[in-house]
C-alpha atoms as a PDB file:
ATOM      1  CA  MET A   1      26.246   6.972  13.067  1.00  0.00           C
ATOM      2  CA  LEU A   2      24.913  10.734  13.453  1.00  0.00           C
ATOM      3  CA  PHE A   3      23.906  12.783  10.336  1.00  0.00           C
ATOM      4  CA  ASP A   4      23.039  16.433  11.395  1.00  0.00           C
ATOM      5  CA  PHE A   5      20.624  17.465   8.414  1.00  0.00           C
ATOM      6  CA  THR A   6      21.937  21.294   9.122  1.00  0.00           C
ATOM      7  CA  GLN A   7      25.383  20.113   8.430  1.00  0.00           C
ATOM      8  CA  ILE A   8      25.118  18.329   5.359  1.00  0.00           C
ATOM      9  CA  PRO A   9      23.337  19.429   2.018  1.00  0.00           C
ATOM     10  CA  PRO A  10      19.730  18.456   1.435  1.00  0.00           C
ATOM     11  CA  GLN A  11      20.270  16.285  -1.275  1.00  0.00           C
ATOM     12  CA  ASP A  12      22.247  14.024   0.936  1.00  0.00           C
ATOM     13  CA  ALA A  13      19.676  14.243   3.934  1.00  0.00           C
ATOM     14  CA  TYR A  14      16.950  13.223   1.325  1.00  0.00           C
ATOM     15  CA  LYS A  15      19.005   9.997   0.328  1.00  0.00           C
ATOM     16  CA  LEU A  16      19.388   9.184   3.454  1.00  0.00           C
ATOM     17  CA  VAL A  17      15.451   9.326   4.560  1.00  0.00           C
ATOM     18  CA  VAL A  18      14.186   7.626   1.502  1.00  0.00           C
ATOM     19  CA  SER A  19      17.052   4.873   1.558  1.00  0.00           C
ATOM     20  CA  SER A  20      15.813   3.823   5.114  1.00  0.00           C
ATOM     21  CA  VAL A  21      12.062   4.975   5.689  1.00  0.00           C
ATOM     22  CA  VAL A  22      10.877   1.758   3.578  1.00  0.00           C
ATOM     23  CA  PRO A  23       8.661   0.294   2.184  1.00  0.00           C
ATOM     24  CA  ARG A  24       6.616   2.857   1.542  1.00  0.00           C
ATOM     25  CA  PRO A  25       2.908   2.263  -0.178  1.00  0.00           C
ATOM     26  CA  ILE A  26       2.705   3.550  -3.478  1.00  0.00           C
ATOM     27  CA  ALA A  27      -0.208   6.065  -4.755  1.00  0.00           C
ATOM     28  CA  TRP A  28      -0.712   5.797  -8.617  1.00  0.00           C
ATOM     29  CA  VAL A  29      -2.368   9.158  -8.922  1.00  0.00           C
ATOM     30  CA  VAL A  30      -4.709   9.892 -11.562  1.00  0.00           C
ATOM     31  CA  THR A  31      -5.599  13.369 -12.349  1.00  0.00           C
ATOM     32  CA  GLN A  32      -7.366  15.753 -15.031  1.00  0.00           C
ATOM     33  CA  ASP A  33      -6.142  19.114 -16.221  1.00  0.00           C
ATOM     34  CA  ALA A  34      -9.186  21.443 -17.201  1.00  0.00           C
ATOM     35  CA  ALA A  35      -9.185  20.730 -20.658  1.00  0.00           C
ATOM     36  CA  GLY A  36      -9.784  16.705 -19.402  1.00  0.00           C
ATOM     37  CA  VAL A  37      -6.580  15.590 -20.370  1.00  0.00           C
ATOM     38  CA  VAL A  38      -5.638  12.605 -18.277  1.00  0.00           C
ATOM     39  CA  ASN A  39      -2.211  12.375 -16.364  1.00  0.00           C
ATOM     40  CA  ALA A  40      -1.264   9.486 -14.052  1.00  0.00           C
ATOM     41  CA  ALA A  41       1.961   9.207 -11.929  1.00  0.00           C
ATOM     42  CA  PRO A  42       2.990   6.936  -8.967  1.00  0.00           C
ATOM     43  CA  TYR A  43       4.298   8.718  -5.955  1.00  0.00           C
ATOM     44  CA  SER A  44       5.745   6.717  -2.817  1.00  0.00           C
ATOM     45  CA  PHE A  45       5.217   9.666  -0.672  1.00  0.00           C
ATOM     46  CA  PHE A  46       2.272   8.506   0.382  1.00  0.00           C
ATOM     47  CA  ASN A  47       0.335   7.304   3.073  1.00  0.00           C
ATOM     48  CA  ALA A  48      -3.325   7.430   5.307  1.00  0.00           C
ATOM     49  CA  PHE A  49      -3.625   9.873   7.940  1.00  0.00           C
ATOM     50  CA  SER A  50      -6.709  10.382   9.096  1.00  0.00           C
ATOM     51  CA  ASP A  51      -9.943   8.208  10.016  1.00  0.00           C
ATOM     52  CA  ASN A  52     -12.895  10.763  10.407  1.00  0.00           C
ATOM     53  CA  PRO A  53     -12.599  12.114   7.710  1.00  0.00           C
ATOM     54  CA  VAL A  54     -10.469   9.359   5.940  1.00  0.00           C
ATOM     55  CA  VAL A  55      -7.750  11.597   4.922  1.00  0.00           C
ATOM     56  CA  VAL A  56      -4.747  10.628   2.675  1.00  0.00           C
ATOM     57  CA  GLY A  57      -1.315  12.537   1.866  1.00  0.00           C
ATOM     58  CA  ILE A  58       1.085  12.630  -1.134  1.00  0.00           C
ATOM     59  CA  GLY A  59       4.112  14.666  -1.330  1.00  0.00           C
ATOM     60  CA  CYS A  60       4.254  16.007  -4.989  1.00  0.00           C
ATOM     61  CA  GLY A  61       8.060  17.256  -5.769  1.00  0.00           C
ATOM     62  CA  PRO A  62       8.310  19.926  -8.408  1.00  0.00           C
ATOM     63  CA  LYS A  63       9.559  19.949 -12.040  1.00  0.00           C
ATOM     64  CA  PRO A  64      12.799  21.852 -12.812  1.00  0.00           C
ATOM     65  CA  PRO A  65      13.224  24.941 -12.654  1.00  0.00           C
ATOM     66  CA  GLY A  66      10.519  25.037 -10.161  1.00  0.00           C
ATOM     67  CA  ALA A  67       7.176  24.794 -11.863  1.00  0.00           C
ATOM     68  CA  LEU A  68       4.437  21.945 -10.367  1.00  0.00           C
ATOM     69  CA  LYS A  69       4.634  18.862 -11.738  1.00  0.00           C
ATOM     70  CA  ASP A  70       1.388  18.272 -13.622  1.00  0.00           C
ATOM     71  CA  THR A  71      -0.359  15.844 -10.738  1.00  0.00           C
ATOM     72  CA  ALA A  72       0.186  18.825  -8.356  1.00  0.00           C
ATOM     73  CA  ALA A  73      -1.040  21.125 -11.158  1.00  0.00           C
ATOM     74  CA  ASN A  74      -3.924  19.491 -12.094  1.00  0.00           C
ATOM     75  CA  ILE A  75      -5.232  18.820  -8.495  1.00  0.00           C
ATOM     76  CA  LYS A  76      -4.757  22.412  -7.973  1.00  0.00           C
ATOM     77  CA  ALA A  77      -6.940  23.157 -10.179  1.00  0.00           C
ATOM     78  CA  THR A  78      -9.562  21.123 -10.230  1.00  0.00           C
ATOM     79  CA  GLY A  79      -9.554  19.778  -6.889  1.00  0.00           C
ATOM     80  CA  GLN A  80     -10.058  15.748  -7.539  1.00  0.00           C
ATOM     81  CA  PHE A  81      -7.954  12.826  -8.106  1.00  0.00           C
ATOM     82  CA  THR A  82      -7.832   8.825  -7.817  1.00  0.00           C
ATOM     83  CA  VAL A  83      -5.197   7.156  -5.806  1.00  0.00           C
ATOM     84  CA  CYS A  84      -4.896   3.798  -7.324  1.00  0.00           C
ATOM     85  CA  LEU A  85      -2.629   0.983  -5.344  1.00  0.00           C
ATOM     86  CA  VAL A  86      -0.205  -1.038  -7.586  1.00  0.00           C
ATOM     87  CA  PRO A  87      -0.213  -4.733  -7.678  1.00  0.00           C
ATOM     88  CA  GLU A  88       2.889  -6.583  -8.528  1.00  0.00           C
ATOM     89  CA  GLU A  89       1.573  -7.564 -12.158  1.00  0.00           C
ATOM     90  CA  ALA A  90       1.005  -3.771 -13.004  1.00  0.00           C
ATOM     91  CA  ILE A  91       4.321  -2.685 -11.750  1.00  0.00           C
ATOM     92  CA  HIS A  92       6.062  -2.378 -15.245  1.00  0.00           C
ATOM     93  CA  ALA A  93       3.050  -0.153 -16.194  1.00  0.00           C
ATOM     94  CA  MET A  94       3.209   1.815 -13.213  1.00  0.00           C
ATOM     95  CA  ASN A  95       7.058   2.697 -14.048  1.00  0.00           C
ATOM     96  CA  ALA A  96       5.929   3.673 -17.693  1.00  0.00           C
ATOM     97  CA  THR A  97       3.862   5.881 -15.764  1.00  0.00           C
ATOM     98  CA  ALA A  98       6.689   7.511 -13.999  1.00  0.00           C
ATOM     99  CA  VAL A  99       8.179   8.524 -17.826  1.00  0.00           C
ATOM    100  CA  ASP A 100       8.615  12.357 -18.003  1.00  0.00           C
ATOM    101  CA  PHE A 101       6.199  12.703 -20.582  1.00  0.00           C
ATOM    102  CA  PRO A 102       5.071  16.265 -21.784  1.00  0.00           C
ATOM    103  CA  PRO A 103       1.766  17.387 -20.330  1.00  0.00           C
ATOM    104  CA  GLU A 104      -0.504  16.547 -23.238  1.00  0.00           C
ATOM    105  CA  VAL A 105       0.636  12.869 -22.963  1.00  0.00           C
ATOM    106  CA  ASP A 106      -1.993  10.618 -21.434  1.00  0.00           C
ATOM    107  CA  GLU A 107       0.186   8.250 -19.711  1.00  0.00           C
ATOM    108  CA  LEU A 108      -2.577   5.717 -19.331  1.00  0.00           C
ATOM    109  CA  GLN A 109      -2.332   5.030 -23.221  1.00  0.00           C
ATOM    110  CA  GLU A 110       1.259   5.094 -23.308  1.00  0.00           C
ATOM    111  CA  ALA A 111       1.388   2.206 -20.505  1.00  0.00           C
ATOM    112  CA  GLY A 112      -1.343   0.546 -22.111  1.00  0.00           C
ATOM    113  CA  LEU A 113      -3.904   0.886 -19.072  1.00  0.00           C
ATOM    114  CA  THR A 114      -7.420   0.911 -18.959  1.00  0.00           C
ATOM    115  CA  ALA A 115      -9.205   4.097 -17.806  1.00  0.00           C
ATOM    116  CA  LEU A 116     -12.634   3.200 -15.839  1.00  0.00           C
ATOM    117  CA  PRO A 117     -14.664   5.836 -15.000  1.00  0.00           C
ATOM    118  CA  SER A 118     -15.231   7.106 -11.365  1.00  0.00           C
ATOM    119  CA  ALA A 119     -18.402   7.462  -9.258  1.00  0.00           C
ATOM    120  CA  LYS A 120     -18.203  10.697  -7.403  1.00  0.00           C
ATOM    121  CA  ILE A 121     -15.382  12.618  -9.584  1.00  0.00           C
ATOM    122  CA  ARG A 122     -13.978  13.442 -13.224  1.00  0.00           C
ATOM    123  CA  PRO A 123     -10.638  11.831 -13.268  1.00  0.00           C
ATOM    124  CA  PRO A 124     -10.970   8.223 -13.868  1.00  0.00           C
ATOM    125  CA  ARG A 125      -9.295   5.170 -12.219  1.00  0.00           C
ATOM    126  CA  ILE A 126      -7.101   2.378 -13.367  1.00  0.00           C
ATOM    127  CA  ALA A 127      -8.535  -0.849 -14.029  1.00  0.00           C
ATOM    128  CA  GLU A 128      -5.250  -2.901 -13.132  1.00  0.00           C
ATOM    129  CA  SER A 129      -5.430  -1.632  -9.889  1.00  0.00           C
ATOM    130  CA  PRO A 130      -7.267  -3.660  -7.316  1.00  0.00           C
ATOM    131  CA  VAL A 131      -7.975  -0.582  -5.248  1.00  0.00           C
ATOM    132  CA  ALA A 132      -9.030   2.929  -5.948  1.00  0.00           C
ATOM    133  CA  LEU A 133      -9.334   5.930  -4.044  1.00  0.00           C
ATOM    134  CA  GLU A 134     -12.096   8.557  -5.221  1.00  0.00           C
ATOM    135  CA  CYS A 135     -10.444  11.821  -3.655  1.00  0.00           C
ATOM    136  CA  GLU A 136     -11.088  15.576  -3.557  1.00  0.00           C
ATOM    137  CA  THR A 137      -8.805  18.146  -2.330  1.00  0.00           C
ATOM    138  CA  PHE A 138      -8.717  18.508   1.485  1.00  0.00           C
ATOM    139  CA  GLN A 139      -5.627  20.597   2.136  1.00  0.00           C
ATOM    140  CA  LEU A 140      -2.578  21.672   0.108  1.00  0.00           C
ATOM    141  CA  VAL A 141       0.227  21.882   2.377  1.00  0.00           C
ATOM    142  CA  PRO A 142       3.714  23.907   1.123  1.00  0.00           C
ATOM    143  CA  ALA A 143       6.843  21.904   1.979  1.00  0.00           C
ATOM    144  CA  GLY A 144       9.805  23.609   0.835  1.00  0.00           C
ATOM    145  CA  HIS A 145      10.150  22.359  -3.081  1.00  0.00           C
ATOM    146  CA  HIS A 146       7.213  20.138  -2.289  1.00  0.00           C
ATOM    147  CA  THR A 147       3.527  20.272  -2.232  1.00  0.00           C
ATOM    148  CA  ILE A 148       1.870  17.969   0.307  1.00  0.00           C
ATOM    149  CA  VAL A 149      -1.735  16.930  -1.093  1.00  0.00           C
ATOM    150  CA  LEU A 150      -3.967  16.170   1.734  1.00  0.00           C
ATOM    151  CA  GLY A 151      -7.007  14.110   0.220  1.00  0.00           C
ATOM    152  CA  ARG A 152     -10.555  13.183   1.497  1.00  0.00           C
ATOM    153  CA  VAL A 153     -11.721  10.131   0.498  1.00  0.00           C
ATOM    154  CA  LEU A 154     -14.887   9.933  -1.037  1.00  0.00           C
ATOM    155  CA  ALA A 155     -15.191   6.328  -2.141  1.00  0.00           C
ATOM    156  CA  VAL A 156     -13.463   3.489  -2.663  1.00  0.00           C
ATOM    157  CA  HIS A 157     -13.309   0.506  -5.298  1.00  0.00           C
ATOM    158  CA  ILE A 158     -12.226  -2.678  -4.486  1.00  0.00           C
ATOM    159  CA  LYS A 159     -11.867  -5.497  -7.162  1.00  0.00           C
ATOM    160  CA  ASP A 160     -14.720  -8.110  -5.842  1.00  0.00           C
ATOM    161  CA  ASP A 161     -12.746 -11.308  -5.360  1.00  0.00           C
ATOM    162  CA  CYS A 162     -10.456  -9.202  -2.764  1.00  0.00           C
ATOM    163  CA  VAL A 163     -13.504  -8.305  -0.468  1.00  0.00           C
ATOM    164  CA  LEU A 164     -14.171 -11.192   1.917  1.00  0.00           C
ATOM    165  CA  ASP A 165     -17.177  -9.794   3.458  1.00  0.00           C
ATOM    166  CA  ALA A 166     -18.986  -6.437   2.050  1.00  0.00           C
ATOM    167  CA  ALA A 167     -21.392  -6.031   5.030  1.00  0.00           C
ATOM    168  CA  LYS A 168     -18.629  -6.160   7.492  1.00  0.00           C
ATOM    169  CA  CYS A 169     -15.901  -4.147   4.998  1.00  0.00           C
ATOM    170  CA  TYR A 170     -13.490  -7.332   5.335  1.00  0.00           C
ATOM    171  CA  VAL A 171     -11.120  -7.118   2.456  1.00  0.00           C
ATOM    172  CA  ASP A 172      -8.490 -10.142   1.637  1.00  0.00           C
ATOM    173  CA  THR A 173      -5.414  -7.531   1.979  1.00  0.00           C
ATOM    174  CA  PRO A 174      -2.657 -10.679   1.034  1.00  0.00           C
ATOM    175  CA  LYS A 175      -5.069 -11.359  -2.124  1.00  0.00           C
ATOM    176  CA  LEU A 176      -4.369  -7.137  -3.638  1.00  0.00           C
ATOM    177  CA  ASN A 177      -0.763  -8.510  -4.143  1.00  0.00           C
ATOM    178  CA  LEU A 178       0.523  -4.882  -3.647  1.00  0.00           C
ATOM    179  CA  VAL A 179       3.816  -3.797  -4.115  1.00  0.00           C
ATOM    180  CA  GLY A 180       5.864  -1.138  -2.083  1.00  0.00           C
ATOM    181  CA  ARG A 181       8.678   1.248  -2.730  1.00  0.00           C
ATOM    182  CA  MET A 182      12.146   0.539  -1.480  1.00  0.00           C
ATOM    183  CA  HIS A 183      15.517   2.481  -1.799  1.00  0.00           C
ATOM    184  CA  GLY A 184      17.346   4.034  -5.008  1.00  0.00           C
ATOM    185  CA  ARG A 185      15.579   4.783  -8.231  1.00  0.00           C
ATOM    186  CA  GLY A 186      14.398   1.272  -8.827  1.00  0.00           C
ATOM    187  CA  TRP A 187      13.921  -1.253  -6.036  1.00  0.00           C
ATOM    188  CA  TYR A 188      10.384  -2.284  -4.938  1.00  0.00           C
ATOM    189  CA  THR A 189       9.582  -5.099  -2.238  1.00  0.00           C
ATOM    190  CA  ARG A 190       6.581  -7.400  -2.715  1.00  0.00           C
ATOM    191  CA  THR A 191       4.003  -7.954   0.189  1.00  0.00           C
ATOM    192  CA  THR A 192       4.118 -11.640   0.175  1.00  0.00           C
ATOM    193  CA  ASP A 193       6.214 -12.192   3.314  1.00  0.00           C
ATOM    194  CA  ARG A 194       4.491 -11.383   6.285  1.00  0.00           C
ATOM    195  CA  LEU A 195       4.378 -11.809   9.972  1.00  0.00           C
ATOM    196  CA  GLU A 196       1.759 -11.725  12.371  1.00  0.00           C
ATOM    197  CA  VAL A 197       2.254  -9.734  15.957  1.00  0.00           C
ATOM    198  CA  PRO A 198      -1.242  -9.537  17.963  1.00  0.00           C
ATOM    199  CA  ARG A 199      -1.563  -6.349  19.900  1.00  0.00           C
ATOM    200  CA  LEU A 200      -1.495  -6.658  23.391  1.00  0.00           C
ATOM    201  CA  THR A 201      -3.659  -5.089  26.202  1.00  0.00           C
ATOM    202  CA  VAL A 202      -2.445  -3.671  29.654  1.00  0.00           C
ATOM    203  CA  ALA A 203      -3.666  -7.289  31.232  1.00  0.00           C
ATOM    204  CA  GLU A 204      -1.934  -9.322  28.735  1.00  0.00           C
ATOM    205  CA  TRP A 205       0.991  -7.280  29.096  1.00  0.00           C
ATOM    206  CA  GLU A 206       1.293  -7.300  32.875  1.00  0.00           C
ATOM    207  CA  ALA A 207       0.523 -11.243  32.644  1.00  0.00           C
ATOM    208  CA  ARG A 208       3.527 -11.893  30.438  1.00  0.00           C
ATOM    209  CA  LYS A 209       5.760  -9.782  32.647  1.00  0.00           C
ATOM    210  CA  LYS A 210       4.476 -11.872  35.763  1.00  0.00           C
ATOM    211  CA  ALA A 211       5.170 -15.254  33.691  1.00  0.00           C
ATOM    212  CA  ALA A 212       8.661 -14.284  33.034  1.00  0.00           C
ATOM    213  CA  GLU A 213       9.306 -13.108  36.745  1.00  0.00           C
END
């Protein structure tokens, strides 16, 4: 069934995309304003986009009636933020940080979360997250009512028992127990149901074709 985005309202186009582009990783973004007040909020318009430099991207929507959300406003003001990934055991605390508190409220305190100092930037990281990326602004890209925040990753903290081999930078990804965003206002997915499909070389592909003849 074809949905022509030039012929339907933007909210319907958005609904179709976020209901089908799933699962999405969740960026649990921690920022500070110029006065040092901490803000934390989850974003599922998020992924990694570049290898050198390592760049991650987050899509930050506006507050009604069009002002920047606290996350985007803080990043614009300070140029720094942490991206913490969400394990299943912290999913309800993550959901609490999505409440639309006023700017002066520290969401980490409201959700009963623990702030830990970052190594290279001012905004803290979340102790309950097994992975935290320390980022500085690489580029801010306006996209309609949204701001796409591209952040250069300066450092990453990974929980000790989730590192298989520090020298080789091997991570025990299943042990992170991360969750992803699905459809609607409250659906998420676990990452415990996995299947392995090894990548093929051209030679392996040709051998498979020949064997099937």
